[in-house]
Amino acid sequence: TGYPISTAFTYGLKDILTVFFFTLMVTIFRAIEQEYIIDKFSKRIRLSKMKQSKFVESCSLLVFYVASVAWGADILAKENWVQNDSIHGLYKGYPHTEMSFAMKFFYLIQFAFWLHNFCELYLLKIKQEEIVSRVIFYSLNLGFIEAAYILKFALPNEDSASEPMGNGNFNQPIIRYAATGCVIGLQIYLLLKFYAIVTKFSRDQNEAEAVKNRSRQLRKKVKKSKDAKKDADSANEKDDDEPVSPSGHKKKD
């Protein structure tokens, strides 16, 4: 049935200090998690340095994603945004100029997590070739979370389209077009990224197969050369073992 909201919140400049504090807390928690859990497990499976870096990143993201999904589902249920097995509750009361403590805390933690990842690039001594892709990934997540936070974090309805933007209503054509363009651009970027990964994997597989084939052919040539040399040596030994006649010629059987 949800819970009554005793105190309502909005966003402001003071959020910057709060996010900074939470970023430090997330960084400390990440260090503890990596030191006592992830690193010990990664050492047991004996990964290379590059694979270990990716493994640590994947484990951290997995924990964050699972916690975020569970937390978000709990907020959706308690805020009565999921009604009759639908999300129509997200439309009610837009623009949402205020939010509950749970909702605001959720967004601030999201900000803190993606910001702390930039610090991890230095603390974990990430290789130069990985930095660009990670910065893009972190920036995209941070940008979309920030947009949802500022744009009132919910879905607008048709009735709010006529209200002015000054009242906190972002259900305007230019905002909708910009949001749609960003989503489409993100999907195109992810598609190209996926295509590049698949192409690289296929190319690496083909190169590895070509190396194996060359190595196999080289081993065959070496084996043939050794067999030919062995046969020649056997023939020479056979000739040496034949008896020699008094005239100096080898006797034939």
C-alpha atoms as a PDB file:
ATOM      1  CA  THR A   1       0.000   0.000   0.000  1.00  0.00           C
ATOM      2  CA  GLY A   2       3.013   2.308   0.210  1.00  0.00           C
ATOM      3  CA  TYR A   3       4.097   4.604   2.988  1.00  0.00           C
ATOM      4  CA  PRO A   4       3.244   8.245   3.712  1.00  0.00           C
ATOM      5  CA  ILE A   5       5.855  10.798   2.649  1.00  0.00           C
ATOM      6  CA  SER A   6       6.535  12.886   5.722  1.00  0.00           C
ATOM      7  CA  THR A   7       9.192  15.065   4.104  1.00  0.00           C
ATOM      8  CA  ALA A   8       9.501  16.041   0.441  1.00  0.00           C
ATOM      9  CA  PHE A   9      12.728  17.027  -1.306  1.00  0.00           C
ATOM     10  CA  THR A  10      13.817  18.695  -4.518  1.00  0.00           C
ATOM     11  CA  TYR A  11      17.202  19.236  -6.163  1.00  0.00           C
ATOM     12  CA  GLY A  12      19.588  22.142  -5.632  1.00  0.00           C
ATOM     13  CA  LEU A  13      23.210  23.231  -5.370  1.00  0.00           C
ATOM     14  CA  LYS A  14      23.607  21.573  -1.979  1.00  0.00           C
ATOM     15  CA  ASP A  15      23.339  18.242  -3.759  1.00  0.00           C
ATOM     16  CA  ILE A  16      26.894  18.794  -5.013  1.00  0.00           C
ATOM     17  CA  LEU A  17      28.332  18.554  -1.489  1.00  0.00           C
ATOM     18  CA  THR A  18      26.183  15.531  -0.697  1.00  0.00           C
ATOM     19  CA  VAL A  19      27.249  13.754  -3.864  1.00  0.00           C
ATOM     20  CA  PHE A  20      30.898  14.541  -3.081  1.00  0.00           C
ATOM     21  CA  PHE A  21      30.538  12.948   0.350  1.00  0.00           C
ATOM     22  CA  PHE A  22      28.782   9.880  -1.045  1.00  0.00           C
ATOM     23  CA  THR A  23      31.458   9.579  -3.744  1.00  0.00           C
ATOM     24  CA  LEU A  24      34.113   9.281  -1.050  1.00  0.00           C
ATOM     25  CA  MET A  25      32.012   6.683   0.772  1.00  0.00           C
ATOM     26  CA  VAL A  26      31.489   4.628  -2.388  1.00  0.00           C
ATOM     27  CA  THR A  27      35.229   4.785  -3.144  1.00  0.00           C
ATOM     28  CA  ILE A  28      36.043   3.455   0.334  1.00  0.00           C
ATOM     29  CA  PHE A  29      33.434   0.711   0.032  1.00  0.00           C
ATOM     30  CA  ARG A  30      34.796  -0.217  -3.409  1.00  0.00           C
ATOM     31  CA  ALA A  31      38.328  -0.502  -1.980  1.00  0.00           C
ATOM     32  CA  ILE A  32      37.134  -2.790   0.833  1.00  0.00           C
ATOM     33  CA  GLU A  33      35.111  -4.909  -1.578  1.00  0.00           C
ATOM     34  CA  GLN A  34      38.047  -5.297  -3.934  1.00  0.00           C
ATOM     35  CA  GLU A  35      40.649  -5.938  -1.223  1.00  0.00           C
ATOM     36  CA  TYR A  36      38.817  -8.612   0.747  1.00  0.00           C
ATOM     37  CA  ILE A  37      36.550 -10.248  -1.847  1.00  0.00           C
ATOM     38  CA  ILE A  38      37.274  -9.629  -5.523  1.00  0.00           C
ATOM     39  CA  ASP A  39      41.094  -9.691  -5.420  1.00  0.00           C
ATOM     40  CA  LYS A  40      41.189 -12.914  -3.398  1.00  0.00           C
ATOM     41  CA  PHE A  41      38.844 -14.623  -5.825  1.00  0.00           C
ATOM     42  CA  SER A  42      40.665 -13.342  -8.911  1.00  0.00           C
ATOM     43  CA  LYS A  43      44.000 -14.659  -7.558  1.00  0.00           C
ATOM     44  CA  ARG A  44      42.534 -18.135  -7.217  1.00  0.00           C
ATOM     45  CA  ILE A  45      41.543 -18.282 -10.879  1.00  0.00           C
ATOM     46  CA  ARG A  46      44.949 -16.819 -11.902  1.00  0.00           C
ATOM     47  CA  LEU A  47      43.999 -14.151 -14.416  1.00  0.00           C
ATOM     48  CA  SER A  48      46.385 -11.975 -16.375  1.00  0.00           C
ATOM     49  CA  LYS A  49      46.680  -8.307 -15.446  1.00  0.00           C
ATOM     50  CA  MET A  50      44.432  -7.145 -18.294  1.00  0.00           C
ATOM     51  CA  LYS A  51      41.809  -9.812 -17.624  1.00  0.00           C
ATOM     52  CA  GLN A  52      42.009  -9.126 -13.900  1.00  0.00           C
ATOM     53  CA  SER A  53      41.264  -5.435 -14.500  1.00  0.00           C
ATOM     54  CA  LYS A  54      38.198  -6.316 -16.570  1.00  0.00           C
ATOM     55  CA  PHE A  55      37.148  -8.921 -14.028  1.00  0.00           C
ATOM     56  CA  VAL A  56      37.301  -6.418 -11.166  1.00  0.00           C
ATOM     57  CA  GLU A  57      35.276  -3.905 -13.195  1.00  0.00           C
ATOM     58  CA  SER A  58      32.658  -6.502 -14.137  1.00  0.00           C
ATOM     59  CA  CYS A  59      32.253  -7.685 -10.539  1.00  0.00           C
ATOM     60  CA  SER A  60      31.820  -4.134  -9.289  1.00  0.00           C
ATOM     61  CA  LEU A  61      29.213  -3.355 -11.949  1.00  0.00           C
ATOM     62  CA  LEU A  62      27.368  -6.601 -11.266  1.00  0.00           C
ATOM     63  CA  VAL A  63      27.039  -5.817  -7.563  1.00  0.00           C
ATOM     64  CA  PHE A  64      25.913  -2.266  -8.355  1.00  0.00           C
ATOM     65  CA  TYR A  65      23.360  -3.346 -10.977  1.00  0.00           C
ATOM     66  CA  VAL A  66      21.807  -6.000  -8.747  1.00  0.00           C
ATOM     67  CA  ALA A  67      21.565  -3.581  -5.809  1.00  0.00           C
ATOM     68  CA  SER A  68      20.133  -0.810  -8.030  1.00  0.00           C
ATOM     69  CA  VAL A  69      17.464  -3.047  -9.555  1.00  0.00           C
ATOM     70  CA  ALA A  70      16.373  -4.331  -6.155  1.00  0.00           C
ATOM     71  CA  TRP A  71      16.367  -0.839  -4.659  1.00  0.00           C
ATOM     72  CA  GLY A  72      14.522   0.658  -7.633  1.00  0.00           C
ATOM     73  CA  ALA A  73      11.875  -2.071  -7.536  1.00  0.00           C
ATOM     74  CA  ASP A  74      11.349  -1.409  -3.830  1.00  0.00           C
ATOM     75  CA  ILE A  75      10.873   2.317  -4.491  1.00  0.00           C
ATOM     76  CA  LEU A  76       8.422   1.664  -7.334  1.00  0.00           C
ATOM     77  CA  ALA A  77       6.333  -0.516  -5.039  1.00  0.00           C
ATOM     78  CA  LYS A  78       6.409   1.777  -2.012  1.00  0.00           C
ATOM     79  CA  GLU A  79       5.716   4.932  -4.021  1.00  0.00           C
ATOM     80  CA  ASN A  80       2.650   3.258  -5.577  1.00  0.00           C
ATOM     81  CA  TRP A  81       4.064   3.861  -9.057  1.00  0.00           C
ATOM     82  CA  VAL A  82       3.233   0.296 -10.066  1.00  0.00           C
ATOM     83  CA  GLN A  83      -0.530  -0.097 -10.000  1.00  0.00           C
ATOM     84  CA  ASN A  84      -2.509  -3.084 -11.271  1.00  0.00           C
ATOM     85  CA  ASP A  85       0.623  -4.611 -12.804  1.00  0.00           C
ATOM     86  CA  SER A  86       1.306  -1.461 -14.879  1.00  0.00           C
ATOM     87  CA  ILE A  87       3.508   1.613 -14.583  1.00  0.00           C
ATOM     88  CA  HIS A  88       0.715   4.144 -15.149  1.00  0.00           C
ATOM     89  CA  GLY A  89       1.429   5.480 -11.689  1.00  0.00           C
ATOM     90  CA  LEU A  90       4.520   7.138 -13.149  1.00  0.00           C
ATOM     91  CA  TYR A  91       2.281   9.515 -15.109  1.00  0.00           C
ATOM     92  CA  LYS A  92       0.208  10.733 -12.208  1.00  0.00           C
ATOM     93  CA  GLY A  93       0.913  14.134 -10.759  1.00  0.00           C
ATOM     94  CA  TYR A  94       3.492  15.203 -13.352  1.00  0.00           C
ATOM     95  CA  PRO A  95       5.440  17.435 -13.100  1.00  0.00           C
ATOM     96  CA  HIS A  96       6.881  15.891  -9.963  1.00  0.00           C
ATOM     97  CA  THR A  97       8.456  18.918  -8.355  1.00  0.00           C
ATOM     98  CA  GLU A  98       9.172  17.038  -5.126  1.00  0.00           C
ATOM     99  CA  MET A  99      10.445  13.592  -4.252  1.00  0.00           C
ATOM    100  CA  SER A 100      10.645  11.335  -1.246  1.00  0.00           C
ATOM    101  CA  PHE A 101      13.842  10.786   0.717  1.00  0.00           C
ATOM    102  CA  ALA A 102      14.216   7.259  -0.714  1.00  0.00           C
ATOM    103  CA  MET A 103      13.980   8.549  -4.281  1.00  0.00           C
ATOM    104  CA  LYS A 104      16.426  11.403  -3.725  1.00  0.00           C
ATOM    105  CA  PHE A 105      18.872   9.134  -1.903  1.00  0.00           C
ATOM    106  CA  PHE A 106      18.667   6.642  -4.778  1.00  0.00           C
ATOM    107  CA  TYR A 107      19.637   9.298  -7.334  1.00  0.00           C
ATOM    108  CA  LEU A 108      22.456  10.685  -5.206  1.00  0.00           C
ATOM    109  CA  ILE A 109      23.971   7.221  -4.807  1.00  0.00           C
ATOM    110  CA  GLN A 110      23.720   6.724  -8.566  1.00  0.00           C
ATOM    111  CA  PHE A 111      25.629   9.972  -9.107  1.00  0.00           C
ATOM    112  CA  ALA A 112      28.228   8.987  -6.522  1.00  0.00           C
ATOM    113  CA  PHE A 113      28.831   5.560  -8.045  1.00  0.00           C
ATOM    114  CA  TRP A 114      29.439   6.789 -11.590  1.00  0.00           C
ATOM    115  CA  LEU A 115      31.582   9.696 -10.387  1.00  0.00           C
ATOM    116  CA  HIS A 116      33.753   7.459  -8.224  1.00  0.00           C
ATOM    117  CA  ASN A 117      34.565   5.356 -11.295  1.00  0.00           C
ATOM    118  CA  PHE A 118      36.540   8.293 -12.693  1.00  0.00           C
ATOM    119  CA  CYS A 119      38.680   8.219  -9.545  1.00  0.00           C
ATOM    120  CA  GLU A 120      39.141   4.475  -9.953  1.00  0.00           C
ATOM    121  CA  LEU A 121      40.793   5.050 -13.322  1.00  0.00           C
ATOM    122  CA  TYR A 122      43.741   6.558 -11.445  1.00  0.00           C
ATOM    123  CA  LEU A 123      43.623   4.401  -8.330  1.00  0.00           C
ATOM    124  CA  LEU A 124      43.541   1.129 -10.274  1.00  0.00           C
ATOM    125  CA  LYS A 125      46.141   2.374 -12.792  1.00  0.00           C
ATOM    126  CA  ILE A 126      44.000   1.512 -15.796  1.00  0.00           C
ATOM    127  CA  LYS A 127      45.921   1.132 -19.044  1.00  0.00           C
ATOM    128  CA  GLN A 128      45.845   3.993 -21.508  1.00  0.00           C
ATOM    129  CA  GLU A 129      43.998   2.046 -24.203  1.00  0.00           C
ATOM    130  CA  GLU A 130      41.108   1.269 -21.824  1.00  0.00           C
ATOM    131  CA  ILE A 131      40.626   4.774 -20.430  1.00  0.00           C
ATOM    132  CA  VAL A 132      38.756   6.287 -23.393  1.00  0.00           C
ATOM    133  CA  SER A 133      36.115   3.552 -23.600  1.00  0.00           C
ATOM    134  CA  ARG A 134      35.572   3.607 -19.838  1.00  0.00           C
ATOM    135  CA  VAL A 135      35.268   7.398 -19.695  1.00  0.00           C
ATOM    136  CA  ILE A 136      32.638   7.299 -22.451  1.00  0.00           C
ATOM    137  CA  PHE A 137      30.746   4.537 -20.642  1.00  0.00           C
ATOM    138  CA  TYR A 138      30.785   6.349 -17.293  1.00  0.00           C
ATOM    139  CA  SER A 139      29.848   9.685 -18.874  1.00  0.00           C
ATOM    140  CA  LEU A 140      26.859   8.224 -20.709  1.00  0.00           C
ATOM    141  CA  ASN A 141      25.463   6.636 -17.556  1.00  0.00           C
ATOM    142  CA  LEU A 142      26.072   9.776 -15.527  1.00  0.00           C
ATOM    143  CA  GLY A 143      24.461  11.965 -18.196  1.00  0.00           C
ATOM    144  CA  PHE A 144      21.286   9.909 -18.463  1.00  0.00           C
ATOM    145  CA  ILE A 145      20.914   9.659 -14.688  1.00  0.00           C
ATOM    146  CA  GLU A 146      21.373  13.416 -14.372  1.00  0.00           C
ATOM    147  CA  ALA A 147      18.807  14.054 -17.106  1.00  0.00           C
ATOM    148  CA  ALA A 148      16.256  11.860 -15.345  1.00  0.00           C
ATOM    149  CA  TYR A 149      16.944  13.657 -12.054  1.00  0.00           C
ATOM    150  CA  ILE A 150      16.632  17.177 -13.444  1.00  0.00           C
ATOM    151  CA  LEU A 151      13.721  16.470 -15.798  1.00  0.00           C
ATOM    152  CA  LYS A 152      11.568  15.349 -12.881  1.00  0.00           C
ATOM    153  CA  PHE A 153      12.483  11.689 -13.108  1.00  0.00           C
ATOM    154  CA  ALA A 154       9.174  10.392 -14.477  1.00  0.00           C
ATOM    155  CA  LEU A 155       7.018  10.066 -17.552  1.00  0.00           C
ATOM    156  CA  PRO A 156       4.897  13.086 -18.524  1.00  0.00           C
ATOM    157  CA  ASN A 157       1.273  12.792 -19.604  1.00  0.00           C
ATOM    158  CA  GLU A 158      -0.667  14.610 -22.307  1.00  0.00           C
ATOM    159  CA  ASP A 159      -2.372  16.982 -19.867  1.00  0.00           C
ATOM    160  CA  SER A 160       0.961  18.479 -18.807  1.00  0.00           C
ATOM    161  CA  ALA A 161       1.977  19.456 -22.359  1.00  0.00           C
ATOM    162  CA  SER A 162       0.133  22.771 -22.144  1.00  0.00           C
ATOM    163  CA  GLU A 163       1.713  23.833 -18.837  1.00  0.00           C
ATOM    164  CA  PRO A 164       4.702  26.257 -18.962  1.00  0.00           C
ATOM    165  CA  MET A 165       8.249  25.056 -18.354  1.00  0.00           C
ATOM    166  CA  GLY A 166       8.666  27.534 -15.521  1.00  0.00           C
ATOM    167  CA  ASN A 167       6.490  25.351 -13.300  1.00  0.00           C
ATOM    168  CA  GLY A 168       8.937  22.500 -13.540  1.00  0.00           C
ATOM    169  CA  ASN A 169       7.172  20.964 -16.526  1.00  0.00           C
ATOM    170  CA  PHE A 170       9.653  19.593 -19.076  1.00  0.00           C
ATOM    171  CA  ASN A 171       6.986  18.026 -21.267  1.00  0.00           C
ATOM    172  CA  GLN A 172       7.893  20.368 -24.135  1.00  0.00           C
ATOM    173  CA  PRO A 173       8.573  19.520 -27.815  1.00  0.00           C
ATOM    174  CA  ILE A 174      12.225  20.570 -27.730  1.00  0.00           C
ATOM    175  CA  ILE A 175      12.854  18.456 -24.594  1.00  0.00           C
ATOM    176  CA  ARG A 176      11.067  15.447 -26.055  1.00  0.00           C
ATOM    177  CA  TYR A 177      12.965  15.702 -29.349  1.00  0.00           C
ATOM    178  CA  ALA A 178      16.287  16.119 -27.550  1.00  0.00           C
ATOM    179  CA  ALA A 179      15.588  13.124 -25.291  1.00  0.00           C
ATOM    180  CA  THR A 180      14.539  11.004 -28.259  1.00  0.00           C
ATOM    181  CA  GLY A 181      17.649  12.041 -30.176  1.00  0.00           C
ATOM    182  CA  CYS A 182      19.878  11.131 -27.231  1.00  0.00           C
ATOM    183  CA  VAL A 183      18.264   7.708 -26.891  1.00  0.00           C
ATOM    184  CA  ILE A 184      18.566   7.032 -30.627  1.00  0.00           C
ATOM    185  CA  GLY A 185      22.173   8.237 -30.619  1.00  0.00           C
ATOM    186  CA  LEU A 186      22.955   5.963 -27.681  1.00  0.00           C
ATOM    187  CA  GLN A 187      21.419   2.969 -29.431  1.00  0.00           C
ATOM    188  CA  ILE A 188      23.430   3.688 -32.589  1.00  0.00           C
ATOM    189  CA  TYR A 189      26.617   4.022 -30.530  1.00  0.00           C
ATOM    190  CA  LEU A 190      25.954   0.730 -28.720  1.00  0.00           C
ATOM    191  CA  LEU A 191      25.185  -0.986 -32.030  1.00  0.00           C
ATOM    192  CA  LEU A 192      28.440   0.256 -33.580  1.00  0.00           C
ATOM    193  CA  LYS A 193      30.319  -0.733 -30.428  1.00  0.00           C
ATOM    194  CA  PHE A 194      28.829  -4.204 -30.567  1.00  0.00           C
ATOM    195  CA  TYR A 195      29.653  -4.494 -34.280  1.00  0.00           C
ATOM    196  CA  ALA A 196      33.245  -3.441 -33.608  1.00  0.00           C
ATOM    197  CA  ILE A 197      33.584  -6.045 -30.833  1.00  0.00           C
ATOM    198  CA  VAL A 198      32.133  -8.823 -32.982  1.00  0.00           C
ATOM    199  CA  THR A 199      34.321  -7.818 -35.943  1.00  0.00           C
ATOM    200  CA  LYS A 200      37.456  -7.741 -33.792  1.00  0.00           C
ATOM    201  CA  PHE A 201      36.621 -11.108 -32.264  1.00  0.00           C
ATOM    202  CA  SER A 202      36.029 -12.630 -35.720  1.00  0.00           C
ATOM    203  CA  ARG A 203      39.272 -11.127 -37.034  1.00  0.00           C
ATOM    204  CA  ASP A 204      41.227 -12.423 -34.050  1.00  0.00           C
ATOM    205  CA  GLN A 205      39.720 -15.861 -34.513  1.00  0.00           C
ATOM    206  CA  ASN A 206      40.653 -15.889 -38.202  1.00  0.00           C
ATOM    207  CA  GLU A 207      44.197 -14.746 -37.419  1.00  0.00           C
ATOM    208  CA  ALA A 208      44.555 -17.396 -34.731  1.00  0.00           C
ATOM    209  CA  GLU A 209      43.291 -20.055 -37.135  1.00  0.00           C
ATOM    210  CA  ALA A 210      45.702 -18.842 -39.816  1.00  0.00           C
ATOM    211  CA  VAL A 211      48.595 -19.035 -37.341  1.00  0.00           C
ATOM    212  CA  LYS A 212      47.566 -22.563 -36.403  1.00  0.00           C
ATOM    213  CA  ASN A 213      47.416 -23.592 -40.049  1.00  0.00           C
ATOM    214  CA  ARG A 214      50.855 -22.124 -40.776  1.00  0.00           C
ATOM    215  CA  SER A 215      52.253 -23.811 -37.702  1.00  0.00           C
ATOM    216  CA  ARG A 216      50.691 -27.117 -38.745  1.00  0.00           C
ATOM    217  CA  GLN A 217      52.118 -26.841 -42.252  1.00  0.00           C
ATOM    218  CA  LEU A 218      55.539 -25.916 -40.874  1.00  0.00           C
ATOM    219  CA  ARG A 219      55.515 -28.953 -38.576  1.00  0.00           C
ATOM    220  CA  LYS A 220      54.621 -31.167 -41.546  1.00  0.00           C
ATOM    221  CA  LYS A 221      57.517 -29.753 -43.583  1.00  0.00           C
ATOM    222  CA  VAL A 222      59.914 -30.237 -40.691  1.00  0.00           C
ATOM    223  CA  LYS A 223      58.679 -33.786 -40.201  1.00  0.00           C
ATOM    224  CA  LYS A 224      59.083 -34.573 -43.924  1.00  0.00           C
ATOM    225  CA  SER A 225      62.587 -33.097 -43.855  1.00  0.00           C
ATOM    226  CA  LYS A 226      63.509 -35.178 -40.828  1.00  0.00           C
ATOM    227  CA  ASP A 227      62.045 -38.329 -42.394  1.00  0.00           C
ATOM    228  CA  ALA A 228      63.953 -37.704 -45.620  1.00  0.00           C
ATOM    229  CA  LYS A 229      67.175 -37.139 -43.717  1.00  0.00           C
ATOM    230  CA  LYS A 230      66.568 -40.250 -41.670  1.00  0.00           C
ATOM    231  CA  ASP A 231      65.993 -42.318 -44.809  1.00  0.00           C
ATOM    232  CA  ALA A 232      69.163 -40.898 -46.366  1.00  0.00           C
ATOM    233  CA  ASP A 233      71.153 -41.716 -43.230  1.00  0.00           C
ATOM    234  CA  SER A 234      69.753 -45.248 -43.193  1.00  0.00           C
ATOM    235  CA  ALA A 235      70.708 -45.717 -46.828  1.00  0.00           C
ATOM    236  CA  ASN A 236      74.256 -44.506 -46.159  1.00  0.00           C
ATOM    237  CA  GLU A 237      74.601 -46.806 -43.163  1.00  0.00           C
ATOM    238  CA  LYS A 238      73.415 -49.722 -45.289  1.00  0.00           C
ATOM    239  CA  ASP A 239      75.999 -48.916 -47.944  1.00  0.00           C
ATOM    240  CA  ASP A 240      78.728 -48.720 -45.322  1.00  0.00           C
ATOM    241  CA  ASP A 241      77.790 -52.134 -43.927  1.00  0.00           C
ATOM    242  CA  GLU A 242      78.176 -53.949 -47.297  1.00  0.00           C
ATOM    243  CA  PRO A 243      81.394 -56.142 -47.556  1.00  0.00           C
ATOM    244  CA  VAL A 244      84.238 -54.945 -49.792  1.00  0.00           C
ATOM    245  CA  SER A 245      85.930 -57.294 -52.329  1.00  0.00           C
ATOM    246  CA  PRO A 246      89.748 -57.559 -52.666  1.00  0.00           C
ATOM    247  CA  SER A 247      89.499 -55.437 -55.782  1.00  0.00           C
ATOM    248  CA  GLY A 248      88.011 -52.621 -53.716  1.00  0.00           C
ATOM    249  CA  HIS A 249      84.436 -53.024 -54.909  1.00  0.00           C
ATOM    250  CA  LYS A 250      81.556 -53.718 -52.600  1.00  0.00           C
ATOM    251  CA  LYS A 251      80.113 -57.186 -53.003  1.00  0.00           C
ATOM    252  CA  LYS A 252      76.517 -57.442 -54.037  1.00  0.00           C
ATOM    253  CA  ASP A 253      74.200 -60.066 -52.588  1.00  0.00           C
END
